[in-house]
Amino acid sequence: MSTTEDRLAIVEICTRMAWHTDQREWDRLAEVFADSVTLDYTSLNGGEPAVLTPEQIVGAWSGLLGAFDATQHLVTNHLVTVDDDTAVCTASFQATHRLANPYGSPLWTLGGTYRFDLVRSGGAWKISGVVMTATWADGNKDLLALAAG
């Protein structure tokens, strides 16, 4: 596979993470991940990065993000570096979460960057790590707790 083909495949798999999440295509979401994935959402939640299986990620995200009326994760400005069977893709994101509630705005939007670590497995690129760095937010952050509740 050429570098251009690798880059297109990497951008596609990173885009699919957002698309399948927003479309609630949980089985398809699991397919984008390697067998073990390091998720680092500490810029938003604190704590430590977690190492999870695709099934654990889908279980957590379907429970939390699936509780929103809708989500939309826009991922763009992909920068890809390929090194044999590993790659890094950095991208900007904007994620809007909608949940009707009687206590405030129904929207919470978060913006920042993703760093995706990827491995080539069986000829296909899979996400082995995600670092989400939140740099701004707008709206009702309490929606996260309401969706989790």
N, C-alpha and C. Protein backbone atom coordinates (compact mmCIF):
# COMPACT_ATOMS: atom_id res chain seq x y z
N MET A 1 0.85 -1.18 0.00
CA MET A 1 0.00 0.00 0.00
C MET A 1 0.89 1.24 0.00
N SER A 2 0.58 2.19 -0.80
CA SER A 2 1.38 3.40 -0.88
C SER A 2 1.08 4.35 0.28
N THR A 3 1.93 5.33 0.45
CA THR A 3 1.73 6.31 1.50
C THR A 3 0.40 7.04 1.33
N THR A 4 0.04 7.38 0.09
CA THR A 4 -1.24 8.05 -0.16
C THR A 4 -2.40 7.14 0.23
N GLU A 5 -2.33 5.87 -0.13
CA GLU A 5 -3.39 4.92 0.24
C GLU A 5 -3.44 4.74 1.76
N ASP A 6 -2.28 4.67 2.40
CA ASP A 6 -2.25 4.58 3.86
C ASP A 6 -2.92 5.80 4.49
N ARG A 7 -2.55 6.98 4.01
CA ARG A 7 -3.10 8.20 4.57
C ARG A 7 -4.62 8.22 4.44
N LEU A 8 -5.12 7.88 3.26
CA LEU A 8 -6.57 7.86 3.06
C LEU A 8 -7.25 6.84 3.98
N ALA A 9 -6.65 5.68 4.15
CA ALA A 9 -7.22 4.65 5.02
C ALA A 9 -7.22 5.09 6.49
N ILE A 10 -6.17 5.79 6.88
CA ILE A 10 -6.06 6.27 8.26
C ILE A 10 -7.08 7.36 8.54
N VAL A 11 -7.21 8.33 7.64
CA VAL A 11 -8.21 9.38 7.80
C VAL A 11 -9.60 8.76 7.85
N GLU A 12 -9.85 7.77 7.00
CA GLU A 12 -11.15 7.09 6.96
C GLU A 12 -11.46 6.41 8.30
N ILE A 13 -10.52 5.68 8.86
CA ILE A 13 -10.80 4.93 10.10
C ILE A 13 -11.01 5.89 11.27
N CYS A 14 -10.27 7.01 11.29
CA CYS A 14 -10.47 8.01 12.34
C CYS A 14 -11.83 8.69 12.19
N THR A 15 -12.24 8.96 10.96
CA THR A 15 -13.54 9.54 10.69
C THR A 15 -14.64 8.57 11.08
N ARG A 16 -14.43 7.28 10.81
CA ARG A 16 -15.43 6.26 11.16
C ARG A 16 -15.68 6.19 12.67
N MET A 17 -14.66 6.45 13.48
CA MET A 17 -14.87 6.44 14.93
C MET A 17 -15.96 7.44 15.29
N ALA A 18 -15.87 8.64 14.74
CA ALA A 18 -16.88 9.67 15.02
C ALA A 18 -18.22 9.33 14.39
N TRP A 19 -18.20 8.92 13.11
CA TRP A 19 -19.43 8.63 12.38
C TRP A 19 -20.25 7.52 13.05
N HIS A 20 -19.59 6.40 13.32
CA HIS A 20 -20.33 5.26 13.90
C HIS A 20 -20.85 5.60 15.29
N THR A 21 -20.12 6.42 16.04
CA THR A 21 -20.60 6.85 17.35
C THR A 21 -21.87 7.68 17.19
N ASP A 22 -21.83 8.69 16.32
CA ASP A 22 -22.97 9.58 16.14
C ASP A 22 -24.18 8.87 15.54
N GLN A 23 -23.93 7.86 14.70
CA GLN A 23 -25.03 7.11 14.08
C GLN A 23 -25.52 5.97 14.97
N ARG A 24 -24.87 5.79 16.11
CA ARG A 24 -25.22 4.71 17.06
C ARG A 24 -25.04 3.33 16.41
N GLU A 25 -24.02 3.22 15.56
CA GLU A 25 -23.69 1.95 14.90
C GLU A 25 -22.60 1.27 15.73
N TRP A 26 -23.01 0.72 16.87
CA TRP A 26 -22.07 0.26 17.88
C TRP A 26 -21.22 -0.91 17.39
N ASP A 27 -21.79 -1.85 16.63
CA ASP A 27 -21.00 -2.97 16.10
C ASP A 27 -19.93 -2.46 15.13
N ARG A 28 -20.30 -1.51 14.31
CA ARG A 28 -19.34 -0.93 13.36
C ARG A 28 -18.26 -0.14 14.10
N LEU A 29 -18.64 0.52 15.19
CA LEU A 29 -17.66 1.27 15.99
C LEU A 29 -16.57 0.34 16.49
N ALA A 30 -16.93 -0.82 16.99
CA ALA A 30 -15.94 -1.76 17.53
C ALA A 30 -14.90 -2.14 16.48
N GLU A 31 -15.30 -2.14 15.22
CA GLU A 31 -14.40 -2.56 14.13
C GLU A 31 -13.24 -1.60 13.89
N VAL A 32 -13.33 -0.35 14.35
CA VAL A 32 -12.26 0.62 14.08
C VAL A 32 -11.09 0.47 15.05
N PHE A 33 -11.29 -0.29 16.12
CA PHE A 33 -10.29 -0.36 17.19
C PHE A 33 -9.43 -1.62 17.12
N ALA A 34 -8.18 -1.48 17.56
CA ALA A 34 -7.30 -2.63 17.77
C ALA A 34 -7.80 -3.41 18.98
N ASP A 35 -7.20 -4.55 19.25
CA ASP A 35 -7.64 -5.41 20.35
C ASP A 35 -7.49 -4.74 21.72
N SER A 36 -6.52 -3.84 21.84
CA SER A 36 -6.28 -3.10 23.07
C SER A 36 -6.09 -1.63 22.70
N VAL A 37 -6.83 -0.75 23.39
CA VAL A 37 -6.83 0.66 23.04
C VAL A 37 -6.58 1.49 24.30
N THR A 38 -5.65 2.43 24.21
CA THR A 38 -5.43 3.36 25.31
C THR A 38 -6.24 4.62 25.03
N LEU A 39 -7.22 4.90 25.91
CA LEU A 39 -8.04 6.11 25.79
C LEU A 39 -7.61 7.11 26.84
N ASP A 40 -7.31 8.32 26.39
CA ASP A 40 -6.89 9.38 27.31
C ASP A 40 -7.81 10.57 27.13
N TYR A 41 -8.77 10.67 28.03
CA TYR A 41 -9.70 11.79 28.05
C TYR A 41 -9.46 12.62 29.31
N THR A 42 -8.22 12.59 29.82
CA THR A 42 -7.90 13.23 31.09
C THR A 42 -8.00 14.75 31.02
N SER A 43 -7.88 15.35 29.83
CA SER A 43 -8.00 16.81 29.75
C SER A 43 -9.42 17.26 30.11
N LEU A 44 -10.38 16.37 29.97
CA LEU A 44 -11.77 16.68 30.30
C LEU A 44 -12.16 16.13 31.67
N ASN A 45 -11.76 14.89 31.94
CA ASN A 45 -12.24 14.18 33.12
C ASN A 45 -11.23 14.04 34.24
N GLY A 46 -9.95 14.39 34.01
CA GLY A 46 -8.93 14.11 35.01
C GLY A 46 -8.64 12.62 35.05
N GLY A 47 -8.04 12.16 36.11
CA GLY A 47 -7.76 10.74 36.26
C GLY A 47 -6.59 10.29 35.42
N GLU A 48 -6.63 9.03 35.03
CA GLU A 48 -5.55 8.40 34.27
C GLU A 48 -6.11 7.83 32.96
N PRO A 49 -5.27 7.71 31.94
CA PRO A 49 -5.71 7.03 30.72
C PRO A 49 -6.13 5.59 31.04
N ALA A 50 -7.03 5.04 30.24
CA ALA A 50 -7.53 3.68 30.44
C ALA A 50 -7.16 2.82 29.25
N VAL A 51 -6.83 1.56 29.52
CA VAL A 51 -6.58 0.59 28.46
C VAL A 51 -7.79 -0.33 28.40
N LEU A 52 -8.48 -0.32 27.24
CA LEU A 52 -9.75 -1.01 27.11
C LEU A 52 -9.79 -1.85 25.84
N THR A 53 -10.70 -2.82 25.82
CA THR A 53 -10.98 -3.59 24.61
C THR A 53 -12.03 -2.81 23.80
N PRO A 54 -12.17 -3.13 22.52
CA PRO A 54 -13.24 -2.49 21.74
C PRO A 54 -14.62 -2.69 22.37
N GLU A 55 -14.87 -3.85 22.93
CA GLU A 55 -16.17 -4.13 23.54
C GLU A 55 -16.40 -3.23 24.76
N GLN A 56 -15.35 -2.99 25.54
CA GLN A 56 -15.49 -2.11 26.70
C GLN A 56 -15.74 -0.67 26.27
N ILE A 57 -15.08 -0.23 25.21
CA ILE A 57 -15.30 1.12 24.70
C ILE A 57 -16.74 1.27 24.23
N VAL A 58 -17.20 0.33 23.43
CA VAL A 58 -18.56 0.38 22.91
C VAL A 58 -19.57 0.36 24.06
N GLY A 59 -19.33 -0.46 25.06
CA GLY A 59 -20.24 -0.51 26.21
C GLY A 59 -20.32 0.83 26.92
N ALA A 60 -19.17 1.46 27.13
CA ALA A 60 -19.14 2.75 27.82
C ALA A 60 -19.76 3.85 26.95
N TRP A 61 -19.36 3.92 25.69
CA TRP A 61 -19.85 4.99 24.83
C TRP A 61 -21.32 4.83 24.49
N SER A 62 -21.78 3.61 24.28
CA SER A 62 -23.20 3.42 23.97
C SER A 62 -24.06 3.80 25.16
N GLY A 63 -23.54 3.54 26.38
CA GLY A 63 -24.28 3.92 27.58
C GLY A 63 -24.33 5.42 27.80
N LEU A 64 -23.19 6.10 27.62
CA LEU A 64 -23.12 7.53 27.87
C LEU A 64 -23.57 8.34 26.65
N LEU A 65 -22.88 8.20 25.54
CA LEU A 65 -23.21 8.99 24.36
C LEU A 65 -24.56 8.59 23.78
N GLY A 66 -24.90 7.31 23.92
CA GLY A 66 -26.20 6.83 23.46
C GLY A 66 -27.36 7.40 24.26
N ALA A 67 -27.08 7.94 25.45
CA ALA A 67 -28.13 8.54 26.27
C ALA A 67 -28.50 9.95 25.81
N PHE A 68 -27.66 10.57 24.99
CA PHE A 68 -27.99 11.88 24.44
C PHE A 68 -29.04 11.73 23.35
N ASP A 69 -29.82 12.77 23.15
CA ASP A 69 -30.78 12.78 22.04
C ASP A 69 -30.04 12.69 20.71
N ALA A 70 -28.88 13.35 20.64
CA ALA A 70 -28.05 13.31 19.43
C ALA A 70 -26.65 13.80 19.79
N THR A 71 -25.66 13.33 19.04
CA THR A 71 -24.31 13.86 19.12
C THR A 71 -23.81 14.06 17.69
N GLN A 72 -22.88 15.00 17.55
CA GLN A 72 -22.24 15.19 16.25
C GLN A 72 -20.77 15.53 16.50
N HIS A 73 -19.91 14.62 16.09
CA HIS A 73 -18.47 14.79 16.22
C HIS A 73 -17.89 15.10 14.85
N LEU A 74 -17.42 16.33 14.67
CA LEU A 74 -16.79 16.73 13.41
C LEU A 74 -15.28 16.63 13.61
N VAL A 75 -14.62 15.88 12.73
CA VAL A 75 -13.17 15.65 12.83
C VAL A 75 -12.55 16.12 11.52
N THR A 76 -11.56 17.01 11.60
CA THR A 76 -11.00 17.60 10.39
C THR A 76 -9.54 17.99 10.59
N ASN A 77 -8.92 18.50 9.53
CA ASN A 77 -7.52 18.95 9.55
C ASN A 77 -6.58 17.82 9.95
N HIS A 78 -6.79 16.64 9.36
CA HIS A 78 -5.98 15.46 9.66
C HIS A 78 -4.54 15.64 9.20
N LEU A 79 -3.61 15.38 10.09
CA LEU A 79 -2.19 15.33 9.78
C LEU A 79 -1.72 13.92 10.09
N VAL A 80 -1.19 13.22 9.09
CA VAL A 80 -0.87 11.79 9.22
C VAL A 80 0.63 11.58 9.05
N THR A 81 1.19 10.79 9.97
CA THR A 81 2.58 10.34 9.86
C THR A 81 2.57 8.82 9.93
N VAL A 82 3.12 8.18 8.89
CA VAL A 82 3.16 6.72 8.82
C VAL A 82 4.60 6.26 9.01
N ASP A 83 4.77 5.24 9.85
CA ASP A 83 6.08 4.63 10.08
C ASP A 83 5.91 3.11 10.03
N ASP A 84 6.09 2.52 8.84
CA ASP A 84 5.88 1.09 8.62
C ASP A 84 4.45 0.70 8.99
N ASP A 85 4.29 -0.09 10.08
CA ASP A 85 2.97 -0.58 10.46
C ASP A 85 2.36 0.18 11.64
N THR A 86 2.89 1.37 11.92
CA THR A 86 2.28 2.24 12.92
C THR A 86 2.09 3.62 12.30
N ALA A 87 1.18 4.38 12.87
CA ALA A 87 0.92 5.72 12.36
C ALA A 87 0.35 6.57 13.48
N VAL A 88 0.46 7.88 13.28
CA VAL A 88 -0.16 8.86 14.16
C VAL A 88 -0.96 9.81 13.28
N CYS A 89 -2.17 10.08 13.69
CA CYS A 89 -3.02 11.04 13.02
C CYS A 89 -3.49 12.06 14.06
N THR A 90 -3.16 13.32 13.83
CA THR A 90 -3.71 14.36 14.69
C THR A 90 -4.78 15.09 13.91
N ALA A 91 -5.80 15.55 14.62
CA ALA A 91 -6.94 16.20 13.96
C ALA A 91 -7.62 17.15 14.93
N SER A 92 -8.28 18.14 14.38
CA SER A 92 -9.14 19.03 15.17
C SER A 92 -10.52 18.39 15.27
N PHE A 93 -11.21 18.68 16.36
CA PHE A 93 -12.58 18.18 16.48
C PHE A 93 -13.49 19.23 17.10
N GLN A 94 -14.76 19.09 16.81
CA GLN A 94 -15.83 19.81 17.48
C GLN A 94 -16.94 18.80 17.72
N ALA A 95 -17.33 18.65 18.97
CA ALA A 95 -18.34 17.66 19.33
C ALA A 95 -19.52 18.35 20.02
N THR A 96 -20.68 18.24 19.40
CA THR A 96 -21.89 18.82 19.97
C THR A 96 -22.76 17.70 20.51
N HIS A 97 -23.26 17.90 21.72
CA HIS A 97 -24.10 16.92 22.42
C HIS A 97 -25.44 17.59 22.70
N ARG A 98 -26.53 16.89 22.39
CA ARG A 98 -27.87 17.45 22.61
C ARG A 98 -28.67 16.53 23.54
N LEU A 99 -29.24 17.15 24.57
CA LEU A 99 -30.10 16.42 25.50
C LEU A 99 -31.13 17.40 26.05
N ALA A 100 -32.38 17.20 25.67
CA ALA A 100 -33.45 18.06 26.18
C ALA A 100 -33.54 17.87 27.69
N ASN A 101 -33.64 18.99 28.41
CA ASN A 101 -33.77 18.92 29.86
C ASN A 101 -34.46 20.19 30.34
N PRO A 102 -35.14 20.13 31.50
CA PRO A 102 -35.88 21.31 31.97
C PRO A 102 -35.01 22.32 32.71
N TYR A 103 -33.70 22.07 32.84
CA TYR A 103 -32.88 22.89 33.73
C TYR A 103 -31.81 23.71 33.02
N GLY A 104 -31.91 23.88 31.72
CA GLY A 104 -30.91 24.70 31.06
C GLY A 104 -30.81 24.36 29.59
N SER A 105 -29.77 24.89 28.99
CA SER A 105 -29.55 24.69 27.56
C SER A 105 -29.47 23.20 27.23
N PRO A 106 -30.04 22.81 26.09
CA PRO A 106 -29.97 21.41 25.67
C PRO A 106 -28.69 21.06 24.93
N LEU A 107 -27.75 22.03 24.79
CA LEU A 107 -26.55 21.79 24.00
C LEU A 107 -25.28 21.99 24.81
N TRP A 108 -24.30 21.13 24.54
CA TRP A 108 -22.95 21.28 25.06
C TRP A 108 -22.01 20.96 23.91
N THR A 109 -21.15 21.91 23.59
CA THR A 109 -20.20 21.72 22.50
C THR A 109 -18.79 21.82 23.04
N LEU A 110 -17.96 20.90 22.59
CA LEU A 110 -16.59 20.80 23.04
C LEU A 110 -15.69 20.84 21.81
N GLY A 111 -14.56 21.52 21.91
CA GLY A 111 -13.63 21.58 20.80
C GLY A 111 -12.21 21.31 21.26
N GLY A 112 -11.39 20.84 20.33
CA GLY A 112 -10.00 20.58 20.67
C GLY A 112 -9.33 19.73 19.62
N THR A 113 -8.44 18.87 20.08
CA THR A 113 -7.70 18.01 19.16
C THR A 113 -7.76 16.55 19.61
N TYR A 114 -7.66 15.69 18.63
CA TYR A 114 -7.47 14.26 18.85
C TYR A 114 -6.07 13.89 18.37
N ARG A 115 -5.45 12.97 19.07
CA ARG A 115 -4.27 12.28 18.56
C ARG A 115 -4.65 10.81 18.52
N PHE A 116 -4.66 10.26 17.33
CA PHE A 116 -4.96 8.85 17.13
C PHE A 116 -3.65 8.11 16.91
N ASP A 117 -3.40 7.06 17.66
CA ASP A 117 -2.30 6.13 17.39
C ASP A 117 -2.92 4.95 16.67
N LEU A 118 -2.27 4.49 15.61
CA LEU A 118 -2.83 3.41 14.79
C LEU A 118 -1.80 2.34 14.54
N VAL A 119 -2.30 1.13 14.34
CA VAL A 119 -1.47 -0.01 13.95
C VAL A 119 -2.11 -0.68 12.74
N ARG A 120 -1.24 -1.22 11.88
CA ARG A 120 -1.74 -1.99 10.75
C ARG A 120 -1.87 -3.43 11.22
N SER A 121 -3.07 -3.97 11.09
CA SER A 121 -3.36 -5.32 11.55
C SER A 121 -4.10 -6.06 10.44
N GLY A 122 -3.51 -7.15 9.94
CA GLY A 122 -4.14 -7.91 8.87
C GLY A 122 -4.38 -7.07 7.63
N GLY A 123 -3.50 -6.10 7.37
CA GLY A 123 -3.62 -5.25 6.20
C GLY A 123 -4.54 -4.06 6.37
N ALA A 124 -5.17 -3.93 7.53
CA ALA A 124 -6.09 -2.81 7.78
C ALA A 124 -5.58 -1.97 8.95
N TRP A 125 -5.81 -0.69 8.88
CA TRP A 125 -5.44 0.21 9.98
C TRP A 125 -6.50 0.16 11.07
N LYS A 126 -6.04 0.11 12.33
CA LYS A 126 -6.92 0.09 13.50
C LYS A 126 -6.41 1.12 14.51
N ILE A 127 -7.31 1.73 15.24
CA ILE A 127 -6.96 2.71 16.26
C ILE A 127 -6.52 1.98 17.53
N SER A 128 -5.30 2.27 17.99
CA SER A 128 -4.78 1.65 19.21
C SER A 128 -4.69 2.64 20.37
N GLY A 129 -4.91 3.91 20.08
CA GLY A 129 -4.88 4.92 21.13
C GLY A 129 -5.57 6.19 20.69
N VAL A 130 -6.23 6.85 21.64
CA VAL A 130 -6.87 8.14 21.38
C VAL A 130 -6.55 9.06 22.55
N VAL A 131 -5.97 10.21 22.23
CA VAL A 131 -5.79 11.26 23.23
C VAL A 131 -6.67 12.42 22.79
N MET A 132 -7.66 12.74 23.62
CA MET A 132 -8.54 13.86 23.35
C MET A 132 -8.07 15.01 24.23
N THR A 133 -7.75 16.14 23.59
CA THR A 133 -7.35 17.34 24.33
C THR A 133 -8.39 18.41 24.10
N ALA A 134 -9.17 18.67 25.13
CA ALA A 134 -10.20 19.71 25.05
C ALA A 134 -9.53 21.06 25.21
N THR A 135 -9.85 21.98 24.30
CA THR A 135 -9.28 23.32 24.39
C THR A 135 -10.33 24.40 24.61
N TRP A 136 -11.61 24.06 24.37
CA TRP A 136 -12.69 25.00 24.64
C TRP A 136 -14.01 24.25 24.75
N ALA A 137 -14.96 24.90 25.37
CA ALA A 137 -16.31 24.34 25.49
C ALA A 137 -17.30 25.49 25.56
N ASP A 138 -18.54 25.18 25.18
CA ASP A 138 -19.60 26.18 25.22
C ASP A 138 -20.90 25.45 25.54
N GLY A 139 -21.74 26.07 26.30
CA GLY A 139 -23.03 25.48 26.58
C GLY A 139 -23.10 24.84 27.95
N ASN A 140 -23.94 23.82 28.06
CA ASN A 140 -24.33 23.23 29.33
C ASN A 140 -23.55 21.95 29.60
N LYS A 141 -22.42 22.05 30.31
CA LYS A 141 -21.61 20.88 30.63
C LYS A 141 -22.36 19.90 31.54
N ASP A 142 -23.36 20.37 32.27
CA ASP A 142 -24.14 19.49 33.14
C ASP A 142 -24.83 18.38 32.35
N LEU A 143 -24.97 18.54 31.04
CA LEU A 143 -25.60 17.50 30.23
C LEU A 143 -24.84 16.19 30.32
N LEU A 144 -23.52 16.26 30.49
CA LEU A 144 -22.71 15.05 30.61
C LEU A 144 -23.16 14.24 31.84
N ALA A 145 -23.34 14.91 32.96
CA ALA A 145 -23.80 14.23 34.18
C ALA A 145 -25.23 13.73 34.04
N LEU A 146 -26.08 14.51 33.37
CA LEU A 146 -27.46 14.07 33.15
C LEU A 146 -27.52 12.84 32.28
N ALA A 147 -26.69 12.80 31.25
CA ALA A 147 -26.67 11.63 30.36
C ALA A 147 -26.12 10.41 31.08
N ALA A 148 -25.15 10.61 31.96
CA ALA A 148 -24.53 9.50 32.71
C ALA A 148 -25.46 8.98 33.79
N GLY A 149 -26.37 9.84 34.25
CA GLY A 149 -27.23 9.49 35.38
C GLY A 149 -28.25 8.53 35.00
